[in-house]
Protein backbone atom coordinates (compact mmCIF):
# COMPACT_ATOMS: atom_id res chain seq x y z
CA MET A 1 -0.69 -57.18 12.82
CA ILE A 2 1.39 -59.19 15.32
CA TYR A 3 4.63 -60.88 14.28
CA CYS A 4 5.64 -64.11 16.07
CA VAL A 5 9.34 -64.98 15.75
CA GLU A 6 9.78 -68.58 16.91
CA ASP A 7 11.89 -71.37 15.37
CA ASP A 8 9.78 -74.23 16.78
CA ASP A 9 7.17 -74.87 14.08
CA SER A 10 4.51 -76.30 16.39
CA ILE A 11 4.79 -73.46 18.92
CA ARG A 12 4.84 -70.79 16.21
CA GLU A 13 1.80 -72.21 14.46
CA LEU A 14 -0.09 -72.45 17.76
CA GLU A 15 0.77 -68.84 18.63
CA VAL A 16 -0.40 -67.57 15.25
CA TYR A 17 -3.58 -69.70 15.34
CA THR A 18 -4.47 -68.55 18.86
CA LEU A 19 -3.94 -64.87 18.06
CA GLN A 20 -5.98 -65.11 14.87
CA ALA A 21 -8.75 -66.99 16.71
CA THR A 22 -8.97 -64.16 19.26
CA GLY A 23 -9.36 -61.41 16.69
CA PHE A 24 -5.76 -60.41 15.87
CA GLU A 25 -3.94 -60.49 12.57
CA ALA A 26 -0.79 -62.55 13.05
CA GLU A 27 2.09 -63.94 11.02
CA GLY A 28 4.92 -66.24 12.05
CA PHE A 29 8.63 -66.34 11.21
CA ALA A 30 11.18 -69.06 11.92
CA ASP A 31 14.27 -66.83 11.99
CA GLY A 32 15.51 -63.27 12.12
CA GLU A 33 16.26 -63.03 8.40
CA SER A 34 12.68 -63.71 7.26
CA PHE A 35 11.36 -61.49 10.05
CA PHE A 36 13.41 -58.46 8.96
CA LYS A 37 12.38 -58.96 5.33
CA ALA A 38 8.75 -58.76 6.45
CA ILE A 39 9.49 -55.64 8.54
CA GLU A 40 10.59 -53.85 5.36
CA LYS A 41 7.16 -54.48 3.82
CA GLU A 42 4.85 -53.95 6.80
CA LEU A 43 5.39 -52.77 10.37
CA PRO A 44 3.53 -54.78 13.03
CA GLU A 45 1.68 -53.44 16.08
CA LEU A 46 3.55 -55.85 18.37
CA ILE A 47 6.31 -58.46 18.15
CA LEU A 48 6.43 -61.73 20.09
CA LEU A 49 10.12 -62.63 20.04
CA ASP A 50 11.78 -65.86 21.15
CA ILE A 51 15.27 -65.41 22.60
CA MET A 52 16.69 -68.68 21.26
CA LEU A 53 16.75 -68.54 17.45
CA PRO A 54 18.94 -70.38 14.90
CA ASP A 55 20.54 -67.43 13.08
CA GLN A 56 20.63 -64.65 15.68
CA ASP A 57 19.40 -64.50 19.26
CA GLY A 58 16.36 -62.50 20.32
CA ILE A 59 18.39 -59.99 22.33
CA SER A 60 20.39 -59.05 19.22
CA ILE A 61 17.18 -58.68 17.22
CA LEU A 62 15.68 -56.54 20.00
CA ARG A 63 18.76 -54.31 20.01
CA ARG A 64 18.54 -53.91 16.24
CA LEU A 65 14.85 -52.98 16.45
CA LYS A 66 15.44 -50.38 19.15
CA ASN A 67 18.31 -48.81 17.18
CA ARG A 68 16.11 -48.15 14.16
CA ARG A 69 13.89 -45.08 14.18
CA SER A 70 11.20 -46.84 12.15
CA THR A 71 10.87 -49.75 14.62
CA GLU A 72 12.02 -48.40 17.99
CA GLN A 73 8.46 -47.74 19.21
CA ILE A 74 7.05 -51.19 18.34
CA PRO A 75 6.28 -53.08 21.59
CA VAL A 76 8.12 -56.37 22.05
CA ILE A 77 7.26 -59.35 24.27
CA LEU A 78 10.18 -61.73 24.79
CA ALA A 79 9.73 -65.47 25.18
CA THR A 80 12.41 -66.73 27.59
CA ALA A 81 13.41 -70.09 29.02
CA LYS A 82 11.79 -70.81 32.36
CA GLY A 83 13.93 -69.59 35.24
CA SER A 84 16.32 -67.60 33.04
CA GLU A 85 16.47 -64.47 35.18
CA TYR A 86 19.45 -63.11 33.26
CA ASP A 87 17.59 -63.19 29.93
CA LYS A 88 14.56 -61.48 31.46
CA VAL A 89 16.60 -58.67 32.96
CA LYS A 90 18.72 -58.24 29.85
CA GLY A 91 15.63 -58.14 27.66
CA LEU A 92 13.74 -55.63 29.79
CA ASP A 93 16.83 -53.44 30.09
CA GLY A 94 17.19 -53.64 26.31
CA GLY A 95 13.72 -52.20 25.76
CA ALA A 96 11.35 -55.19 25.82
CA ASP A 97 7.88 -54.36 27.15
CA ASP A 98 7.17 -57.73 28.78
CA TYR A 99 8.26 -61.36 28.81
CA LEU A 100 6.73 -64.81 28.87
CA ALA A 101 8.53 -67.72 30.53
CA LYS A 102 8.34 -70.98 28.57
CA PRO A 103 6.28 -73.06 28.66
CA PHE A 104 3.34 -70.66 28.72
CA GLY A 105 -0.36 -71.11 28.04
CA MET A 106 -1.98 -69.59 24.98
CA MET A 107 -4.55 -67.70 27.04
CA GLU A 108 -1.72 -66.15 29.04
CA LEU A 109 -0.14 -65.13 25.73
CA VAL A 110 -3.33 -63.40 24.59
CA SER A 111 -3.74 -61.70 27.97
CA ARG A 112 -0.16 -60.35 27.88
CA VAL A 113 -0.54 -59.15 24.30
CA LYS A 114 -3.74 -57.26 25.15
CA ALA A 115 -2.17 -55.76 28.28
CA VAL A 116 0.94 -54.53 26.45
CA LEU A 117 -1.12 -53.04 23.62
CA ARG A 118 -3.27 -51.21 26.17
CA ARG A 119 -0.25 -50.02 28.14
CA VAL A 120 1.87 -48.79 25.26
CA GLY A 121 -0.96 -47.90 22.92
CA ARG A 122 -0.01 -44.81 20.98
CA GLN A 123 -2.45 -43.11 18.65
CA PRO A 124 -1.12 -41.19 15.66
CA LYS A 125 -1.45 -37.43 15.80
CA SER A 126 -4.45 -37.84 13.54
CA ALA A 127 -5.91 -40.87 11.82
CA LEU A 128 -6.65 -38.72 8.78
CA LEU A 129 -4.11 -36.18 7.52
CA THR A 130 -5.11 -33.61 4.91
CA ILE A 131 -3.01 -31.01 3.11
CA GLY A 132 -4.47 -29.39 0.02
CA GLN A 133 -5.91 -32.18 -2.15
CA ILE A 134 -3.77 -34.86 -0.48
CA GLN A 135 -5.54 -37.01 2.09
CA LEU A 136 -3.66 -39.74 4.00
CA ASP A 137 -5.44 -42.37 6.10
CA VAL A 138 -2.91 -43.53 8.71
CA ARG A 139 -4.76 -46.63 9.89
CA ALA A 140 -5.88 -47.88 6.48
CA ARG A 141 -2.54 -46.89 4.89
CA ARG A 142 -4.27 -45.28 1.90
CA VAL A 143 -3.58 -42.01 0.09
CA PHE A 144 -5.95 -39.99 -2.07
CA VAL A 145 -5.49 -36.96 -4.27
CA GLY A 146 -8.98 -35.58 -4.55
CA GLU A 147 -11.16 -38.63 -5.21
CA ASN A 148 -8.38 -40.67 -6.81
CA GLU A 149 -6.42 -43.21 -4.77
CA VAL A 150 -2.64 -43.15 -5.20
CA GLU A 151 -0.66 -46.39 -4.87
CA LEU A 152 2.51 -45.85 -2.80
CA THR A 153 5.26 -48.16 -1.61
CA LEU A 154 5.72 -48.54 2.16
CA LYS A 155 8.67 -46.12 2.22
CA GLU A 156 6.86 -43.58 0.06
CA PHE A 157 3.84 -43.76 2.38
CA GLU A 158 5.98 -43.35 5.53
CA LEU A 159 7.85 -40.45 3.93
CA LEU A 160 4.63 -38.66 3.01
CA GLN A 161 3.11 -39.32 6.44
CA TYR A 162 6.16 -37.91 8.23
CA LEU A 163 6.15 -34.80 6.05
CA MET A 164 2.41 -34.25 6.60
CA GLU A 165 2.66 -34.79 10.36
CA ASN A 166 5.36 -32.10 10.43
CA SER A 167 3.65 -29.66 8.07
CA GLY A 168 5.48 -26.33 7.88
CA VAL A 169 8.67 -27.75 9.41
CA VAL A 170 11.86 -28.07 7.37
CA LEU A 171 13.09 -31.67 7.64
CA THR A 172 16.69 -32.31 6.66
CA ARG A 173 17.68 -35.25 4.49
CA ASP A 174 19.49 -36.79 7.46
CA GLN A 175 16.36 -36.51 9.61
CA LEU A 176 14.25 -38.14 6.92
CA LEU A 177 16.83 -40.86 6.33
CA ALA A 178 17.05 -41.66 10.05
CA HIS A 179 13.29 -41.64 10.66
CA ILE A 180 12.19 -43.63 7.61
CA TRP A 181 15.14 -45.96 6.97
CA GLY A 182 16.65 -46.23 10.44
CA TYR A 183 20.11 -45.37 11.75
CA ASP A 184 21.56 -48.65 10.52
CA PHE A 185 20.42 -48.10 6.92
CA ASP A 186 23.47 -48.39 4.73
CA GLY A 187 22.60 -45.71 2.21
CA GLU A 188 23.09 -42.08 1.25
CA THR A 189 20.97 -38.96 1.55
CA ARG A 190 20.39 -39.28 -2.21
CA THR A 191 18.00 -42.11 -1.30
CA VAL A 192 15.67 -39.44 0.13
CA ASP A 193 15.82 -37.36 -3.07
CA VAL A 194 14.99 -40.39 -5.22
CA HIS A 195 11.93 -41.24 -3.10
CA ILE A 196 10.79 -37.61 -3.04
CA ARG A 197 10.97 -37.58 -6.85
CA THR A 198 8.89 -40.76 -7.25
CA LEU A 199 6.46 -39.51 -4.62
CA ARG A 200 5.99 -36.22 -6.49
CA ASN A 201 5.43 -38.08 -9.75
CA LYS A 202 2.66 -40.16 -8.19
CA LEU A 203 0.97 -37.17 -6.50
CA GLY A 204 0.89 -35.14 -9.71
CA GLU A 205 0.02 -31.44 -9.36
CA ALA A 206 -0.72 -31.96 -5.64
CA SER A 207 3.01 -32.57 -5.13
CA MET A 208 3.53 -28.79 -5.19
CA ALA A 209 2.81 -29.07 -1.44
CA ILE A 210 6.25 -30.69 -1.04
CA GLU A 211 8.74 -27.82 -1.11
CA THR A 212 12.48 -28.24 -1.62
CA VAL A 213 14.43 -26.02 0.79
CA ARG A 214 17.78 -25.44 -0.88
CA GLY A 215 20.76 -26.68 1.11
CA MET A 216 18.54 -28.12 3.87
CA GLY A 217 15.85 -30.59 2.92
CA TYR A 218 12.08 -30.61 2.41
CA ARG A 219 9.01 -28.96 3.86
CA MET A 220 5.34 -29.83 3.49
CA GLY A 221 2.77 -27.08 3.21
CA GLU A 222 -0.43 -26.11 1.42
CA SER A 223 -0.34 -26.52 -2.33
CA ARG A 224 0.51 -23.28 -4.05
């Protein structure tokens, strides 16, 4: 999935149409507020981000993305005004992976998107994680206990994935909070406990693999 953040309706619609026509999933957003709401539901593979937006500029959005553990690794292509050297430099220094100078052609857009995805492409440690009866498919975002599929929220899925990827390692509540919710999440470590509890309820007996380490946090291991 590629997110296109662009306030000009015609440009945004053309970007989304072109990406979809060339085999990508794409969705467009007119402002930062709607974009961040979507981020909470699904993380994209890449973000095409216009610098000039009505509610907050692209550089501020980029900074916010890079300061959150859950989004810091998502590649970003900035769309800048033609000849704006300052914006290009500021964006690249801020963590952007590439930039497009407006006006740009749609085939150039597709070419840049493919190049960035190739360059920064990161595969998960394993596409299929298995501990005891729990099986997690990273790419399909599906979880099974035995032959039964378990419906999880996005945060529950990310929490389980992080625990399984770090099997045997004690993860503190602060580590889990930072990785799953981001450093700018305005919450408490109790948020982690609440999600662990709902996750255990959904996993049933297989949840015995999630061990509470008193005074520290949680550890994932084989079901006892």
